Amino acid sequence: MDYVEKVLEKIREWARRLIESLLGPEAEPEPELIPIPVNEPRRPRHR
């Protein structure tokens, strides 16, 4: 009977860890990049 209680205790511990990892703090989403317009100097095209 002692063996069964130890096994049940281990299962409870694993379940607790699993629930904590699943319901833990959510990772913050990466910030969305904002496109920045760049004014490039115009180069004359040579033929």
PDB file of N, CA and C in Angstrom:
ATOM      1  N   MET A   1       0.827  -1.197   0.000  1.00  0.00           N
ATOM      2  CA  MET A   1       0.000   0.000   0.000  1.00  0.00           C
ATOM      3  C   MET A   1       0.869   1.258   0.000  1.00  0.00           C
ATOM      4  N   ASP A   2       1.973   1.214   0.688  1.00  0.00           N
ATOM      5  CA  ASP A   2       2.878   2.360   0.744  1.00  0.00           C
ATOM      6  C   ASP A   2       3.400   2.701  -0.648  1.00  0.00           C
ATOM      7  N   TYR A   3       3.648   1.657  -1.457  1.00  0.00           N
ATOM      8  CA  TYR A   3       4.144   1.862  -2.824  1.00  0.00           C
ATOM      9  C   TYR A   3       3.107   2.626  -3.649  1.00  0.00           C
ATOM     10  N   VAL A   4       1.832   2.256  -3.526  1.00  0.00           N
ATOM     11  CA  VAL A   4       0.769   2.912  -4.286  1.00  0.00           C
ATOM     12  C   VAL A   4       0.672   4.379  -3.880  1.00  0.00           C
ATOM     13  N   GLU A   5       0.795   4.676  -2.610  1.00  0.00           N
ATOM     14  CA  GLU A   5       0.732   6.057  -2.149  1.00  0.00           C
ATOM     15  C   GLU A   5       1.889   6.880  -2.706  1.00  0.00           C
ATOM     16  N   LYS A   6       3.071   6.283  -2.780  1.00  0.00           N
ATOM     17  CA  LYS A   6       4.225   6.993  -3.340  1.00  0.00           C
ATOM     18  C   LYS A   6       4.010   7.291  -4.818  1.00  0.00           C
ATOM     19  N   VAL A   7       3.462   6.293  -5.527  1.00  0.00           N
ATOM     20  CA  VAL A   7       3.203   6.491  -6.959  1.00  0.00           C
ATOM     21  C   VAL A   7       2.165   7.595  -7.145  1.00  0.00           C
ATOM     22  N   LEU A   8       1.106   7.575  -6.363  1.00  0.00           N
ATOM     23  CA  LEU A   8       0.079   8.617  -6.475  1.00  0.00           C
ATOM     24  C   LEU A   8       0.651   9.998  -6.151  1.00  0.00           C
ATOM     25  N   GLU A   9       1.521  10.071  -5.178  1.00  0.00           N
ATOM     26  CA  GLU A   9       2.144  11.353  -4.830  1.00  0.00           C
ATOM     27  C   GLU A   9       2.997  11.882  -5.986  1.00  0.00           C
ATOM     28  N   LYS A  10       3.739  10.965  -6.629  1.00  0.00           N
ATOM     29  CA  LYS A  10       4.540  11.375  -7.802  1.00  0.00           C
ATOM     30  C   LYS A  10       3.643  11.879  -8.916  1.00  0.00           C
ATOM     31  N   ILE A  11       2.540  11.176  -9.150  1.00  0.00           N
ATOM     32  CA  ILE A  11       1.619  11.586 -10.213  1.00  0.00           C
ATOM     33  C   ILE A  11       1.032  12.959  -9.895  1.00  0.00           C
ATOM     34  N   ARG A  12       0.678  13.195  -8.644  1.00  0.00           N
ATOM     35  CA  ARG A  12       0.151  14.508  -8.247  1.00  0.00           C
ATOM     36  C   ARG A  12       1.202  15.593  -8.486  1.00  0.00           C
ATOM     37  N   GLU A  13       2.443  15.306  -8.151  1.00  0.00           N
ATOM     38  CA  GLU A  13       3.524  16.286  -8.335  1.00  0.00           C
ATOM     39  C   GLU A  13       3.711  16.612  -9.818  1.00  0.00           C
ATOM     40  N   TRP A  14       3.731  15.574 -10.661  1.00  0.00           N
ATOM     41  CA  TRP A  14       3.881  15.798 -12.108  1.00  0.00           C
ATOM     42  C   TRP A  14       2.700  16.592 -12.658  1.00  0.00           C
ATOM     43  N   ALA A  15       1.493  16.268 -12.207  1.00  0.00           N
ATOM     44  CA  ALA A  15       0.300  16.982 -12.672  1.00  0.00           C
ATOM     45  C   ALA A  15       0.378  18.448 -12.247  1.00  0.00           C
ATOM     46  N   ARG A  16       0.822  18.714 -11.016  1.00  0.00           N
ATOM     47  CA  ARG A  16       0.940  20.094 -10.538  1.00  0.00           C
ATOM     48  C   ARG A  16       1.940  20.870 -11.392  1.00  0.00           C
ATOM     49  N   ARG A  17       3.078  20.238 -11.682  1.00  0.00           N
ATOM     50  CA  ARG A  17       4.090  20.913 -12.513  1.00  0.00           C
ATOM     51  C   ARG A  17       3.566  21.173 -13.914  1.00  0.00           C
ATOM     52  N   LEU A  18       2.847  20.195 -14.462  1.00  0.00           N
ATOM     53  CA  LEU A  18       2.296  20.357 -15.808  1.00  0.00           C
ATOM     54  C   LEU A  18       1.299  21.515 -15.840  1.00  0.00           C
ATOM     55  N   ILE A  19       0.420  21.568 -14.868  1.00  0.00           N
ATOM     56  CA  ILE A  19      -0.571  22.642 -14.817  1.00  0.00           C
ATOM     57  C   ILE A  19       0.109  23.990 -14.630  1.00  0.00           C
ATOM     58  N   GLU A  20       1.118  24.061 -13.786  1.00  0.00           N
ATOM     59  CA  GLU A  20       1.838  25.328 -13.598  1.00  0.00           C
ATOM     60  C   GLU A  20       2.524  25.769 -14.885  1.00  0.00           C
ATOM     61  N   SER A  21       3.089  24.811 -15.620  1.00  0.00           N
ATOM     62  CA  SER A  21       3.782  25.196 -16.858  1.00  0.00           C
ATOM     63  C   SER A  21       2.785  25.631 -17.926  1.00  0.00           C
ATOM     64  N   LEU A  22       1.603  25.009 -17.955  1.00  0.00           N
ATOM     65  CA  LEU A  22       0.607  25.382 -18.959  1.00  0.00           C
ATOM     66  C   LEU A  22      -0.100  26.688 -18.613  1.00  0.00           C
ATOM     67  N   LEU A  23      -0.348  26.922 -17.351  1.00  0.00           N
ATOM     68  CA  LEU A  23      -1.105  28.102 -16.945  1.00  0.00           C
ATOM     69  C   LEU A  23      -0.213  29.207 -16.393  1.00  0.00           C
ATOM     70  N   GLY A  24       1.086  29.038 -16.555  1.00  0.00           N
ATOM     71  CA  GLY A  24       2.022  30.036 -16.055  1.00  0.00           C
ATOM     72  C   GLY A  24       1.886  31.334 -16.825  1.00  0.00           C
ATOM     73  N   PRO A  25       2.743  32.299 -16.518  1.00  0.00           N
ATOM     74  CA  PRO A  25       2.653  33.588 -17.217  1.00  0.00           C
ATOM     75  C   PRO A  25       2.900  33.413 -18.709  1.00  0.00           C
ATOM     76  N   GLU A  26       2.047  34.065 -19.485  1.00  0.00           N
ATOM     77  CA  GLU A  26       2.184  33.966 -20.936  1.00  0.00           C
ATOM     78  C   GLU A  26       3.373  34.807 -21.393  1.00  0.00           C
ATOM     79  N   ALA A  27       4.040  34.308 -22.400  1.00  0.00           N
ATOM     80  CA  ALA A  27       5.152  35.064 -22.967  1.00  0.00           C
ATOM     81  C   ALA A  27       4.600  36.290 -23.683  1.00  0.00           C
ATOM     82  N   GLU A  28       5.294  37.408 -23.550  1.00  0.00           N
ATOM     83  CA  GLU A  28       4.845  38.623 -24.217  1.00  0.00           C
ATOM     84  C   GLU A  28       5.073  38.487 -25.719  1.00  0.00           C
ATOM     85  N   PRO A  29       4.089  38.875 -26.520  1.00  0.00           N
ATOM     86  CA  PRO A  29       4.286  38.796 -27.972  1.00  0.00           C
ATOM     87  C   PRO A  29       5.359  39.787 -28.415  1.00  0.00           C
ATOM     88  N   GLU A  30       6.035  39.431 -29.483  1.00  0.00           N
ATOM     89  CA  GLU A  30       7.065  40.330 -29.995  1.00  0.00           C
ATOM     90  C   GLU A  30       6.405  41.590 -30.538  1.00  0.00           C
ATOM     91  N   PRO A  31       7.009  42.745 -30.280  1.00  0.00           N
ATOM     92  CA  PRO A  31       6.402  43.980 -30.792  1.00  0.00           C
ATOM     93  C   PRO A  31       6.416  43.987 -32.319  1.00  0.00           C
ATOM     94  N   GLU A  32       5.341  44.508 -32.891  1.00  0.00           N
ATOM     95  CA  GLU A  32       5.255  44.555 -34.344  1.00  0.00           C
ATOM     96  C   GLU A  32       6.156  45.667 -34.862  1.00  0.00           C
ATOM     97  N   LEU A  33       6.939  45.356 -35.878  1.00  0.00           N
ATOM     98  CA  LEU A  33       7.854  46.345 -36.442  1.00  0.00           C
ATOM     99  C   LEU A  33       7.074  47.388 -37.227  1.00  0.00           C
ATOM    100  N   ILE A  34       7.468  48.628 -37.061  1.00  0.00           N
ATOM    101  CA  ILE A  34       6.828  49.730 -37.775  1.00  0.00           C
ATOM    102  C   ILE A  34       7.753  50.155 -38.909  1.00  0.00           C
ATOM    103  N   PRO A  35       7.253  50.106 -40.151  1.00  0.00           N
ATOM    104  CA  PRO A  35       8.117  50.519 -41.268  1.00  0.00           C
ATOM    105  C   PRO A  35       8.414  52.014 -41.205  1.00  0.00           C
ATOM    106  N   ILE A  36       9.671  52.345 -41.397  1.00  0.00           N
ATOM    107  CA  ILE A  36      10.104  53.736 -41.370  1.00  0.00           C
ATOM    108  C   ILE A  36      10.528  54.119 -42.782  1.00  0.00           C
ATOM    109  N   PRO A  37       9.878  55.111 -43.376  1.00  0.00           N
ATOM    110  CA  PRO A  37      10.268  55.512 -44.733  1.00  0.00           C
ATOM    111  C   PRO A  37      11.663  56.136 -44.739  1.00  0.00           C
ATOM    112  N   VAL A  38      12.408  55.782 -45.753  1.00  0.00           N
ATOM    113  CA  VAL A  38      13.772  56.302 -45.886  1.00  0.00           C
ATOM    114  C   VAL A  38      13.870  57.054 -47.201  1.00  0.00           C
ATOM    115  N   ASN A  39      14.314  58.285 -47.120  1.00  0.00           N
ATOM    116  CA  ASN A  39      14.507  59.077 -48.331  1.00  0.00           C
ATOM    117  C   ASN A  39      15.920  58.840 -48.842  1.00  0.00           C
ATOM    118  N   GLU A  40      16.002  58.084 -49.927  1.00  0.00           N
ATOM    119  CA  GLU A  40      17.312  57.809 -50.520  1.00  0.00           C
ATOM    120  C   GLU A  40      17.576  58.877 -51.577  1.00  0.00           C
ATOM    121  N   PRO A  41      18.815  59.365 -51.630  1.00  0.00           N
ATOM    122  CA  PRO A  41      19.123  60.361 -52.687  1.00  0.00           C
ATOM    123  C   PRO A  41      19.025  59.678 -54.056  1.00  0.00           C
ATOM    124  N   ARG A  42      18.486  60.431 -54.973  1.00  0.00           N
ATOM    125  CA  ARG A  42      18.350  59.888 -56.327  1.00  0.00           C
ATOM    126  C   ARG A  42      19.678  59.996 -57.037  1.00  0.00           C
ATOM    127  N   ARG A  43      20.073  58.901 -57.640  1.00  0.00           N
ATOM    128  CA  ARG A  43      21.316  58.907 -58.412  1.00  0.00           C
ATOM    129  C   ARG A  43      20.965  58.991 -59.898  1.00  0.00           C
ATOM    130  N   PRO A  44      21.698  59.838 -60.624  1.00  0.00           N
ATOM    131  CA  PRO A  44      21.419  59.891 -62.067  1.00  0.00           C
ATOM    132  C   PRO A  44      21.848  58.571 -62.730  1.00  0.00           C
ATOM    133  N   ARG A  45      21.006  58.077 -63.580  1.00  0.00           N
ATOM    134  CA  ARG A  45      21.333  56.836 -64.271  1.00  0.00           C
ATOM    135  C   ARG A  45      22.179  57.167 -65.513  1.00  0.00           C
ATOM    136  N   HIS A  46      23.296  56.477 -65.622  1.00  0.00           N
ATOM    137  CA  HIS A  46      24.165  56.679 -66.786  1.00  0.00           C
ATOM    138  C   HIS A  46      23.847  55.631 -67.825  1.00  0.00           C
ATOM    139  N   ARG A  47      23.863  56.097 -69.102  1.00  0.00           N
ATOM    140  CA  ARG A  47      23.598  55.136 -70.193  1.00  0.00           C
ATOM    141  C   ARG A  47      24.847  54.747 -70.876  1.00  0.00           C
TER     142      ARG A  47
END
